[in-house]
Amino acid sequence: MTEGFDSDVPSPARMYDYYLGGQDNFAADRVAAEAVIASHPEQPQLARNNRAFLVRAVEHLAASGIRQFVDVGTGIPTAPTVHEVARRTHPGARVVYVDDDPVVLAHARALLAEDREVAVVEADMHDPDAITAHPDVARLIDFSEPVGVLFVAVLHFSPGDEPRRILGHFRSRMVPGSFLVLSAGSSEGLSDAELAEIHDAYARTPRGGHLRSREEITGFFDGFELVDPGVVDVSRWRGFERPTHISILAGVARRVTPEPPT
């Protein structure tokens, strides 16, 4: 494990694995996840809805001609993976998975060790320069060509205006024809008490949980053109899973104009 790893500190990635019925989690992750489930029993359904959105979004990007992907905050590998979905359309699709959780990294590297067109990069999404400068990203991703960049259910673990800074870094490198895939936890329809419960459940994770309004999440797509149906609950982005009381809002957007010179 990575130096400084502490299994007593819950990880959002391993909590998500628990919601999906996985086994790659520790006691602290299960305790924190069960605290969320106790308040919101639909949380596992919400995780499944989000995963289904990811698959549909990657299918859309592949159908639109995208052959290279950067999946930031990828989480523990769950079938079908991004490269498996993309390769249904483009057998040579290249994918870089990015995460900073040691359990995620160990499982992803074991799964993908023999695939030269897929890489697993250890990096924190809050250091986007380290991601785009990484040798494996340079080897597999050509930012002079359209790319799909994925931030699926990770930006609600980023405080304040950090998501805009992170997304701005990637946007500046994405040429027209590229796509941003994004989903983020929403405060929409939740009472103050419910928001406090969720905040408390994620308080021991490294950066806590930060649910945002529809307006704030829509603002993450600044500089991109949303494709239909716009920003909607993950259960309704070109799908019809059972909706849940807690909402993860999602969208897919296309880069249509180049970044203006600075």
C-alpha atoms as a PDB file:
ATOM      1  CA  MET A   1       0.000   0.000   0.000  1.00  0.00           C
ATOM      2  CA  THR A   2       0.991   3.623  -0.497  1.00  0.00           C
ATOM      3  CA  GLU A   3       3.034   5.222   2.266  1.00  0.00           C
ATOM      4  CA  GLY A   4       0.723   6.899   4.742  1.00  0.00           C
ATOM      5  CA  PHE A   5      -2.241   4.699   3.851  1.00  0.00           C
ATOM      6  CA  ASP A   6      -4.677   4.389   6.748  1.00  0.00           C
ATOM      7  CA  SER A   7      -7.500   1.859   6.464  1.00  0.00           C
ATOM      8  CA  ASP A   8      -9.220   3.547   9.425  1.00  0.00           C
ATOM      9  CA  VAL A   9      -9.949   6.615   7.262  1.00  0.00           C
ATOM     10  CA  PRO A  10     -12.982   5.989   5.034  1.00  0.00           C
ATOM     11  CA  SER A  11     -12.521   6.422   1.323  1.00  0.00           C
ATOM     12  CA  PRO A  12     -15.287   7.651  -1.020  1.00  0.00           C
ATOM     13  CA  ALA A  13     -14.106   5.173  -3.669  1.00  0.00           C
ATOM     14  CA  ARG A  14     -14.347   2.229  -1.277  1.00  0.00           C
ATOM     15  CA  MET A  15     -17.689   3.451   0.101  1.00  0.00           C
ATOM     16  CA  TYR A  16     -18.947   3.519  -3.486  1.00  0.00           C
ATOM     17  CA  ASP A  17     -17.654  -0.024  -3.946  1.00  0.00           C
ATOM     18  CA  TYR A  18     -19.668  -1.034  -0.870  1.00  0.00           C
ATOM     19  CA  TYR A  19     -22.832   0.611  -2.257  1.00  0.00           C
ATOM     20  CA  LEU A  20     -22.373  -1.449  -5.435  1.00  0.00           C
ATOM     21  CA  GLY A  21     -22.021  -4.667  -3.445  1.00  0.00           C
ATOM     22  CA  GLY A  22     -18.260  -4.963  -3.844  1.00  0.00           C
ATOM     23  CA  GLN A  23     -15.787  -6.527  -1.429  1.00  0.00           C
ATOM     24  CA  ASP A  24     -12.870  -4.122  -1.810  1.00  0.00           C
ATOM     25  CA  ASN A  25     -13.509  -2.009   1.277  1.00  0.00           C
ATOM     26  CA  PHE A  26     -12.527  -1.800   4.922  1.00  0.00           C
ATOM     27  CA  ALA A  27     -14.465  -1.576   8.167  1.00  0.00           C
ATOM     28  CA  ALA A  28     -14.212   2.225   8.279  1.00  0.00           C
ATOM     29  CA  ASP A  29     -15.633   2.431   4.751  1.00  0.00           C
ATOM     30  CA  ARG A  30     -18.532   0.174   5.653  1.00  0.00           C
ATOM     31  CA  VAL A  31     -19.338   2.127   8.824  1.00  0.00           C
ATOM     32  CA  ALA A  32     -19.375   5.422   6.924  1.00  0.00           C
ATOM     33  CA  ALA A  33     -21.398   3.939   4.064  1.00  0.00           C
ATOM     34  CA  GLU A  34     -23.930   2.423   6.440  1.00  0.00           C
ATOM     35  CA  ALA A  35     -24.345   5.839   8.086  1.00  0.00           C
ATOM     36  CA  VAL A  36     -25.404   7.202   4.695  1.00  0.00           C
ATOM     37  CA  ILE A  37     -27.655   4.223   4.002  1.00  0.00           C
ATOM     38  CA  ALA A  38     -29.297   4.555   7.437  1.00  0.00           C
ATOM     39  CA  SER A  39     -30.451   8.048   6.500  1.00  0.00           C
ATOM     40  CA  HIS A  40     -31.000   7.316   2.804  1.00  0.00           C
ATOM     41  CA  PRO A  41     -31.724   3.631   2.118  1.00  0.00           C
ATOM     42  CA  GLU A  42     -31.775   4.305  -1.635  1.00  0.00           C
ATOM     43  CA  GLN A  43     -28.031   5.048  -1.722  1.00  0.00           C
ATOM     44  CA  PRO A  44     -27.107   1.693  -3.340  1.00  0.00           C
ATOM     45  CA  GLN A  45     -29.719   2.330  -6.040  1.00  0.00           C
ATOM     46  CA  LEU A  46     -28.251   5.786  -6.575  1.00  0.00           C
ATOM     47  CA  ALA A  47     -24.788   4.260  -7.060  1.00  0.00           C
ATOM     48  CA  ARG A  48     -26.201   1.794  -9.595  1.00  0.00           C
ATOM     49  CA  ASN A  49     -27.958   4.632 -11.423  1.00  0.00           C
ATOM     50  CA  ASN A  50     -24.725   6.580 -11.595  1.00  0.00           C
ATOM     51  CA  ARG A  51     -22.830   3.587 -12.934  1.00  0.00           C
ATOM     52  CA  ALA A  52     -25.465   3.033 -15.624  1.00  0.00           C
ATOM     53  CA  PHE A  53     -25.142   6.704 -16.620  1.00  0.00           C
ATOM     54  CA  LEU A  54     -21.393   6.252 -17.044  1.00  0.00           C
ATOM     55  CA  VAL A  55     -21.931   3.346 -19.429  1.00  0.00           C
ATOM     56  CA  ARG A  56     -24.503   5.242 -21.512  1.00  0.00           C
ATOM     57  CA  ALA A  57     -22.306   8.344 -21.637  1.00  0.00           C
ATOM     58  CA  VAL A  58     -19.251   6.411 -22.832  1.00  0.00           C
ATOM     59  CA  GLU A  59     -21.422   4.704 -25.458  1.00  0.00           C
ATOM     60  CA  HIS A  60     -22.499   8.155 -26.670  1.00  0.00           C
ATOM     61  CA  LEU A  61     -18.923   9.413 -26.842  1.00  0.00           C
ATOM     62  CA  ALA A  62     -17.753   6.332 -28.721  1.00  0.00           C
ATOM     63  CA  ALA A  63     -20.644   6.674 -31.178  1.00  0.00           C
ATOM     64  CA  SER A  64     -19.557  10.307 -31.657  1.00  0.00           C
ATOM     65  CA  GLY A  65     -16.081   9.169 -32.685  1.00  0.00           C
ATOM     66  CA  ILE A  66     -14.159   9.518 -29.414  1.00  0.00           C
ATOM     67  CA  ARG A  67     -11.322   6.973 -29.246  1.00  0.00           C
ATOM     68  CA  GLN A  68      -9.350   8.262 -26.237  1.00  0.00           C
ATOM     69  CA  PHE A  69     -10.581   8.813 -22.694  1.00  0.00           C
ATOM     70  CA  VAL A  70      -9.307  10.165 -19.372  1.00  0.00           C
ATOM     71  CA  ASP A  71     -11.356   8.891 -16.425  1.00  0.00           C
ATOM     72  CA  VAL A  72     -10.528  11.039 -13.392  1.00  0.00           C
ATOM     73  CA  GLY A  73     -11.417   9.571  -9.992  1.00  0.00           C
ATOM     74  CA  THR A  74     -12.187   6.256 -11.634  1.00  0.00           C
ATOM     75  CA  GLY A  75     -12.843   4.221  -8.463  1.00  0.00           C
ATOM     76  CA  ILE A  76     -12.451   0.474  -8.032  1.00  0.00           C
ATOM     77  CA  PRO A  77     -12.884  -1.301 -11.400  1.00  0.00           C
ATOM     78  CA  THR A  78     -16.478  -2.335 -12.023  1.00  0.00           C
ATOM     79  CA  ALA A  79     -17.678  -4.195 -15.106  1.00  0.00           C
ATOM     80  CA  PRO A  80     -18.148  -2.996 -17.708  1.00  0.00           C
ATOM     81  CA  THR A  81     -15.186  -0.640 -17.480  1.00  0.00           C
ATOM     82  CA  VAL A  82     -14.758   2.474 -19.618  1.00  0.00           C
ATOM     83  CA  HIS A  83     -12.363   0.754 -22.020  1.00  0.00           C
ATOM     84  CA  GLU A  84     -14.642  -2.270 -22.331  1.00  0.00           C
ATOM     85  CA  VAL A  85     -17.589  -0.054 -23.262  1.00  0.00           C
ATOM     86  CA  ALA A  86     -15.562   2.120 -25.643  1.00  0.00           C
ATOM     87  CA  ARG A  87     -14.056  -0.897 -27.393  1.00  0.00           C
ATOM     88  CA  ARG A  88     -17.474  -2.217 -28.346  1.00  0.00           C
ATOM     89  CA  THR A  89     -17.345   0.581 -30.930  1.00  0.00           C
ATOM     90  CA  HIS A  90     -13.601   1.240 -31.289  1.00  0.00           C
ATOM     91  CA  PRO A  91     -11.481  -1.859 -30.561  1.00  0.00           C
ATOM     92  CA  GLY A  92      -8.344   0.270 -30.286  1.00  0.00           C
ATOM     93  CA  ALA A  93      -9.750   2.825 -27.836  1.00  0.00           C
ATOM     94  CA  ARG A  94      -7.172   4.160 -25.371  1.00  0.00           C
ATOM     95  CA  VAL A  95      -8.054   4.929 -21.747  1.00  0.00           C
ATOM     96  CA  VAL A  96      -6.180   6.455 -18.815  1.00  0.00           C
ATOM     97  CA  TYR A  97      -7.685   5.802 -15.396  1.00  0.00           C
ATOM     98  CA  VAL A  98      -6.723   8.295 -12.676  1.00  0.00           C
ATOM     99  CA  ASP A  99      -7.124   7.864  -8.922  1.00  0.00           C
ATOM    100  CA  ASP A 100      -5.209   8.398  -5.691  1.00  0.00           C
ATOM    101  CA  ASP A 101      -6.738   5.600  -3.605  1.00  0.00           C
ATOM    102  CA  PRO A 102      -4.198   2.769  -3.110  1.00  0.00           C
ATOM    103  CA  VAL A 103      -6.860   0.050  -3.190  1.00  0.00           C
ATOM    104  CA  VAL A 104      -8.215   1.414  -6.471  1.00  0.00           C
ATOM    105  CA  LEU A 105      -4.726   1.559  -7.934  1.00  0.00           C
ATOM    106  CA  ALA A 106      -3.807  -1.974  -6.864  1.00  0.00           C
ATOM    107  CA  HIS A 107      -6.941  -3.527  -8.322  1.00  0.00           C
ATOM    108  CA  ALA A 108      -6.866  -1.502 -11.532  1.00  0.00           C
ATOM    109  CA  ARG A 109      -3.205  -2.294 -12.199  1.00  0.00           C
ATOM    110  CA  ALA A 110      -3.730  -5.995 -11.553  1.00  0.00           C
ATOM    111  CA  LEU A 111      -6.690  -6.041 -13.935  1.00  0.00           C
ATOM    112  CA  LEU A 112      -5.003  -4.065 -16.715  1.00  0.00           C
ATOM    113  CA  ALA A 113      -1.376  -5.151 -16.443  1.00  0.00           C
ATOM    114  CA  GLU A 114      -1.259  -6.704 -19.924  1.00  0.00           C
ATOM    115  CA  ASP A 115      -3.042  -3.933 -21.840  1.00  0.00           C
ATOM    116  CA  ARG A 116      -0.643  -1.394 -23.345  1.00  0.00           C
ATOM    117  CA  GLU A 117      -3.490   0.822 -24.553  1.00  0.00           C
ATOM    118  CA  VAL A 118      -4.759   1.360 -21.016  1.00  0.00           C
ATOM    119  CA  ALA A 119      -2.905   3.025 -18.144  1.00  0.00           C
ATOM    120  CA  VAL A 120      -3.547   3.573 -14.452  1.00  0.00           C
ATOM    121  CA  VAL A 121      -2.137   6.838 -13.146  1.00  0.00           C
ATOM    122  CA  GLU A 122      -1.699   7.681  -9.483  1.00  0.00           C
ATOM    123  CA  ALA A 123      -2.677  11.332  -9.084  1.00  0.00           C
ATOM    124  CA  ASP A 124      -5.009  13.556  -7.105  1.00  0.00           C
ATOM    125  CA  MET A 125      -7.663  15.273  -9.202  1.00  0.00           C
ATOM    126  CA  HIS A 126      -6.827  18.467  -7.307  1.00  0.00           C
ATOM    127  CA  ASP A 127      -3.435  18.448  -9.057  1.00  0.00           C
ATOM    128  CA  PRO A 128      -4.576  18.449 -12.696  1.00  0.00           C
ATOM    129  CA  ASP A 129      -1.123  19.526 -13.911  1.00  0.00           C
ATOM    130  CA  ALA A 130       0.281  16.260 -12.549  1.00  0.00           C
ATOM    131  CA  ILE A 131      -2.366  14.345 -14.489  1.00  0.00           C
ATOM    132  CA  THR A 132      -1.872  15.949 -17.891  1.00  0.00           C
ATOM    133  CA  ALA A 133       1.923  15.955 -17.492  1.00  0.00           C
ATOM    134  CA  HIS A 134       2.117  12.279 -16.528  1.00  0.00           C
ATOM    135  CA  PRO A 135       4.186  10.151 -18.957  1.00  0.00           C
ATOM    136  CA  ASP A 136       1.392   7.604 -19.417  1.00  0.00           C
ATOM    137  CA  VAL A 137      -1.060  10.366 -20.272  1.00  0.00           C
ATOM    138  CA  ALA A 138       1.427  11.755 -22.796  1.00  0.00           C
ATOM    139  CA  ARG A 139       1.887   8.254 -24.246  1.00  0.00           C
ATOM    140  CA  LEU A 140      -1.798   7.452 -24.707  1.00  0.00           C
ATOM    141  CA  ILE A 141      -3.668  10.751 -24.960  1.00  0.00           C
ATOM    142  CA  ASP A 142      -3.208  13.184 -27.841  1.00  0.00           C
ATOM    143  CA  PHE A 143      -4.812  16.445 -26.737  1.00  0.00           C
ATOM    144  CA  SER A 144      -4.540  17.806 -30.285  1.00  0.00           C
ATOM    145  CA  GLU A 145      -7.353  15.345 -31.120  1.00  0.00           C
ATOM    146  CA  PRO A 146     -10.815  15.070 -29.530  1.00  0.00           C
ATOM    147  CA  VAL A 147     -10.779  13.384 -26.120  1.00  0.00           C
ATOM    148  CA  GLY A 148     -13.413  12.321 -23.628  1.00  0.00           C
ATOM    149  CA  VAL A 149     -12.734  13.528 -20.080  1.00  0.00           C
ATOM    150  CA  LEU A 150     -14.802  11.929 -17.316  1.00  0.00           C
ATOM    151  CA  PHE A 151     -15.494  13.251 -13.815  1.00  0.00           C
ATOM    152  CA  VAL A 152     -18.209  10.837 -12.690  1.00  0.00           C
ATOM    153  CA  ALA A 153     -19.415  11.163  -9.085  1.00  0.00           C
ATOM    154  CA  VAL A 154     -16.159  12.688  -7.855  1.00  0.00           C
ATOM    155  CA  LEU A 155     -16.530  16.483  -7.827  1.00  0.00           C
ATOM    156  CA  HIS A 156     -18.814  16.390  -4.781  1.00  0.00           C
ATOM    157  CA  PHE A 157     -15.641  15.422  -2.897  1.00  0.00           C
ATOM    158  CA  SER A 158     -14.006  18.692  -3.920  1.00  0.00           C
ATOM    159  CA  PRO A 159     -14.625  21.824  -1.836  1.00  0.00           C
ATOM    160  CA  GLY A 160     -15.476  25.379  -2.837  1.00  0.00           C
ATOM    161  CA  ASP A 161     -14.437  26.510  -6.308  1.00  0.00           C
ATOM    162  CA  GLU A 162     -11.917  23.717  -6.748  1.00  0.00           C
ATOM    163  CA  PRO A 163     -14.035  21.882  -9.360  1.00  0.00           C
ATOM    164  CA  ARG A 164     -14.049  24.952 -11.613  1.00  0.00           C
ATOM    165  CA  ARG A 165     -10.265  25.251 -11.360  1.00  0.00           C
ATOM    166  CA  ILE A 166      -9.792  21.555 -12.141  1.00  0.00           C
ATOM    167  CA  LEU A 167     -12.238  21.605 -15.050  1.00  0.00           C
ATOM    168  CA  GLY A 168     -10.705  24.804 -16.401  1.00  0.00           C
ATOM    169  CA  HIS A 169      -7.338  23.074 -16.626  1.00  0.00           C
ATOM    170  CA  PHE A 170      -8.760  20.260 -18.733  1.00  0.00           C
ATOM    171  CA  ARG A 171     -10.996  22.548 -20.787  1.00  0.00           C
ATOM    172  CA  SER A 172      -7.977  24.589 -21.866  1.00  0.00           C
ATOM    173  CA  ARG A 173      -6.448  21.426 -23.352  1.00  0.00           C
ATOM    174  CA  MET A 174      -9.567  20.003 -25.007  1.00  0.00           C
ATOM    175  CA  VAL A 175      -9.950  20.772 -28.702  1.00  0.00           C
ATOM    176  CA  PRO A 176     -13.359  21.199 -30.401  1.00  0.00           C
ATOM    177  CA  GLY A 177     -15.081  17.854 -30.727  1.00  0.00           C
ATOM    178  CA  SER A 178     -13.954  16.750 -27.258  1.00  0.00           C
ATOM    179  CA  PHE A 179     -16.497  15.810 -24.605  1.00  0.00           C
ATOM    180  CA  LEU A 180     -16.868  16.347 -20.862  1.00  0.00           C
ATOM    181  CA  VAL A 181     -18.829  13.707 -18.921  1.00  0.00           C
ATOM    182  CA  LEU A 182     -19.744  14.796 -15.412  1.00  0.00           C
ATOM    183  CA  SER A 183     -22.009  13.786 -12.557  1.00  0.00           C
ATOM    184  CA  ALA A 184     -22.126  15.360  -9.111  1.00  0.00           C
ATOM    185  CA  GLY A 185     -24.200  15.067  -5.956  1.00  0.00           C
ATOM    186  CA  SER A 186     -26.959  17.636  -5.692  1.00  0.00           C
ATOM    187  CA  SER A 187     -28.562  19.388  -2.745  1.00  0.00           C
ATOM    188  CA  GLU A 188     -31.770  19.694  -4.753  1.00  0.00           C
ATOM    189  CA  GLY A 189     -34.862  18.714  -2.759  1.00  0.00           C
ATOM    190  CA  LEU A 190     -32.971  17.942   0.451  1.00  0.00           C
ATOM    191  CA  SER A 191     -33.778  19.490   3.803  1.00  0.00           C
ATOM    192  CA  ASP A 192     -31.150  21.119   5.993  1.00  0.00           C
ATOM    193  CA  ALA A 193     -31.303  18.089   8.285  1.00  0.00           C
ATOM    194  CA  GLU A 194     -30.702  15.690   5.393  1.00  0.00           C
ATOM    195  CA  LEU A 195     -27.796  17.757   4.139  1.00  0.00           C
ATOM    196  CA  ALA A 196     -26.287  17.753   7.634  1.00  0.00           C
ATOM    197  CA  GLU A 197     -26.598  13.955   7.849  1.00  0.00           C
ATOM    198  CA  ILE A 198     -24.763  13.485   4.563  1.00  0.00           C
ATOM    199  CA  HIS A 199     -22.125  16.013   5.538  1.00  0.00           C
ATOM    200  CA  ASP A 200     -21.530  14.181   8.825  1.00  0.00           C
ATOM    201  CA  ALA A 201     -21.308  10.785   7.099  1.00  0.00           C
ATOM    202  CA  TYR A 202     -18.533  11.991   4.802  1.00  0.00           C
ATOM    203  CA  ALA A 203     -16.799  14.219   7.351  1.00  0.00           C
ATOM    204  CA  ARG A 204     -14.012  11.699   8.026  1.00  0.00           C
ATOM    205  CA  THR A 205     -13.147  11.228   4.360  1.00  0.00           C
ATOM    206  CA  PRO A 206     -10.134  13.258   3.174  1.00  0.00           C
ATOM    207  CA  ARG A 207     -12.100  16.218   1.773  1.00  0.00           C
ATOM    208  CA  GLY A 208     -15.650  15.645   2.995  1.00  0.00           C
ATOM    209  CA  GLY A 209     -18.806  15.728   0.898  1.00  0.00           C
ATOM    210  CA  HIS A 210     -20.057  18.857  -0.882  1.00  0.00           C
ATOM    211  CA  LEU A 211     -23.490  18.723  -2.484  1.00  0.00           C
ATOM    212  CA  ARG A 212     -24.337  21.573  -4.847  1.00  0.00           C
ATOM    213  CA  SER A 213     -27.348  23.203  -6.452  1.00  0.00           C
ATOM    214  CA  ARG A 214     -28.475  22.485 -10.016  1.00  0.00           C
ATOM    215  CA  GLU A 215     -27.252  25.943 -10.997  1.00  0.00           C
ATOM    216  CA  GLU A 216     -23.786  25.282  -9.587  1.00  0.00           C
ATOM    217  CA  ILE A 217     -23.494  21.895 -11.284  1.00  0.00           C
ATOM    218  CA  THR A 218     -24.703  23.302 -14.599  1.00  0.00           C
ATOM    219  CA  GLY A 219     -22.002  25.959 -14.258  1.00  0.00           C
ATOM    220  CA  PHE A 220     -19.360  23.225 -14.329  1.00  0.00           C
ATOM    221  CA  PHE A 221     -20.111  22.898 -18.053  1.00  0.00           C
ATOM    222  CA  ASP A 222     -19.131  26.476 -18.854  1.00  0.00           C
ATOM    223  CA  GLY A 223     -17.225  26.489 -22.137  1.00  0.00           C
ATOM    224  CA  PHE A 224     -19.038  23.379 -23.381  1.00  0.00           C
ATOM    225  CA  GLU A 225     -22.320  22.783 -25.197  1.00  0.00           C
ATOM    226  CA  LEU A 226     -24.624  20.366 -23.399  1.00  0.00           C
ATOM    227  CA  VAL A 227     -26.125  17.544 -25.430  1.00  0.00           C
ATOM    228  CA  ASP A 228     -29.729  16.462 -24.883  1.00  0.00           C
ATOM    229  CA  PRO A 229     -31.244  16.066 -22.339  1.00  0.00           C
ATOM    230  CA  GLY A 230     -28.972  18.595 -20.592  1.00  0.00           C
ATOM    231  CA  VAL A 231     -28.324  18.400 -16.854  1.00  0.00           C
ATOM    232  CA  VAL A 232     -30.694  15.833 -15.341  1.00  0.00           C
ATOM    233  CA  ASP A 233     -30.742  13.171 -12.662  1.00  0.00           C
ATOM    234  CA  VAL A 234     -28.489  10.255 -13.594  1.00  0.00           C
ATOM    235  CA  SER A 235     -31.512   7.974 -13.740  1.00  0.00           C
ATOM    236  CA  ARG A 236     -32.937  10.089 -16.570  1.00  0.00           C
ATOM    237  CA  TRP A 237     -29.874  10.767 -18.722  1.00  0.00           C
ATOM    238  CA  ARG A 238     -31.031   8.708 -21.707  1.00  0.00           C
ATOM    239  CA  GLY A 239     -32.166   6.023 -19.294  1.00  0.00           C
ATOM    240  CA  PHE A 240     -35.046   5.091 -17.021  1.00  0.00           C
ATOM    241  CA  GLU A 241     -33.659   3.642 -13.801  1.00  0.00           C
ATOM    242  CA  ARG A 242     -35.640   4.042 -10.616  1.00  0.00           C
ATOM    243  CA  PRO A 243     -35.072   7.611  -9.367  1.00  0.00           C
ATOM    244  CA  THR A 244     -33.979   8.256  -5.796  1.00  0.00           C
ATOM    245  CA  HIS A 245     -34.642  11.021  -3.284  1.00  0.00           C
ATOM    246  CA  ILE A 246     -30.983  12.068  -3.249  1.00  0.00           C
ATOM    247  CA  SER A 247     -30.043  13.252  -6.691  1.00  0.00           C
ATOM    248  CA  ILE A 248     -26.834  12.988  -8.647  1.00  0.00           C
ATOM    249  CA  LEU A 249     -27.128  15.413 -11.533  1.00  0.00           C
ATOM    250  CA  ALA A 250     -25.343  14.507 -14.730  1.00  0.00           C
ATOM    251  CA  GLY A 251     -24.598  15.826 -18.153  1.00  0.00           C
ATOM    252  CA  VAL A 252     -22.505  15.311 -21.251  1.00  0.00           C
ATOM    253  CA  ALA A 253     -21.199  18.321 -23.139  1.00  0.00           C
ATOM    254  CA  ARG A 254     -19.188  18.940 -26.279  1.00  0.00           C
ATOM    255  CA  ARG A 255     -16.366  21.398 -26.763  1.00  0.00           C
ATOM    256  CA  VAL A 256     -17.396  23.465 -29.782  1.00  0.00           C
ATOM    257  CA  THR A 257     -14.993  26.412 -29.679  1.00  0.00           C
ATOM    258  CA  PRO A 258     -11.274  26.509 -28.937  1.00  0.00           C
ATOM    259  CA  GLU A 259      -9.982  28.051 -25.726  1.00  0.00           C
ATOM    260  CA  PRO A 260      -9.363  31.777 -26.268  1.00  0.00           C
ATOM    261  CA  PRO A 261      -5.718  32.866 -26.069  1.00  0.00           C
ATOM    262  CA  THR A 262      -4.535  34.207 -22.714  1.00  0.00           C
END
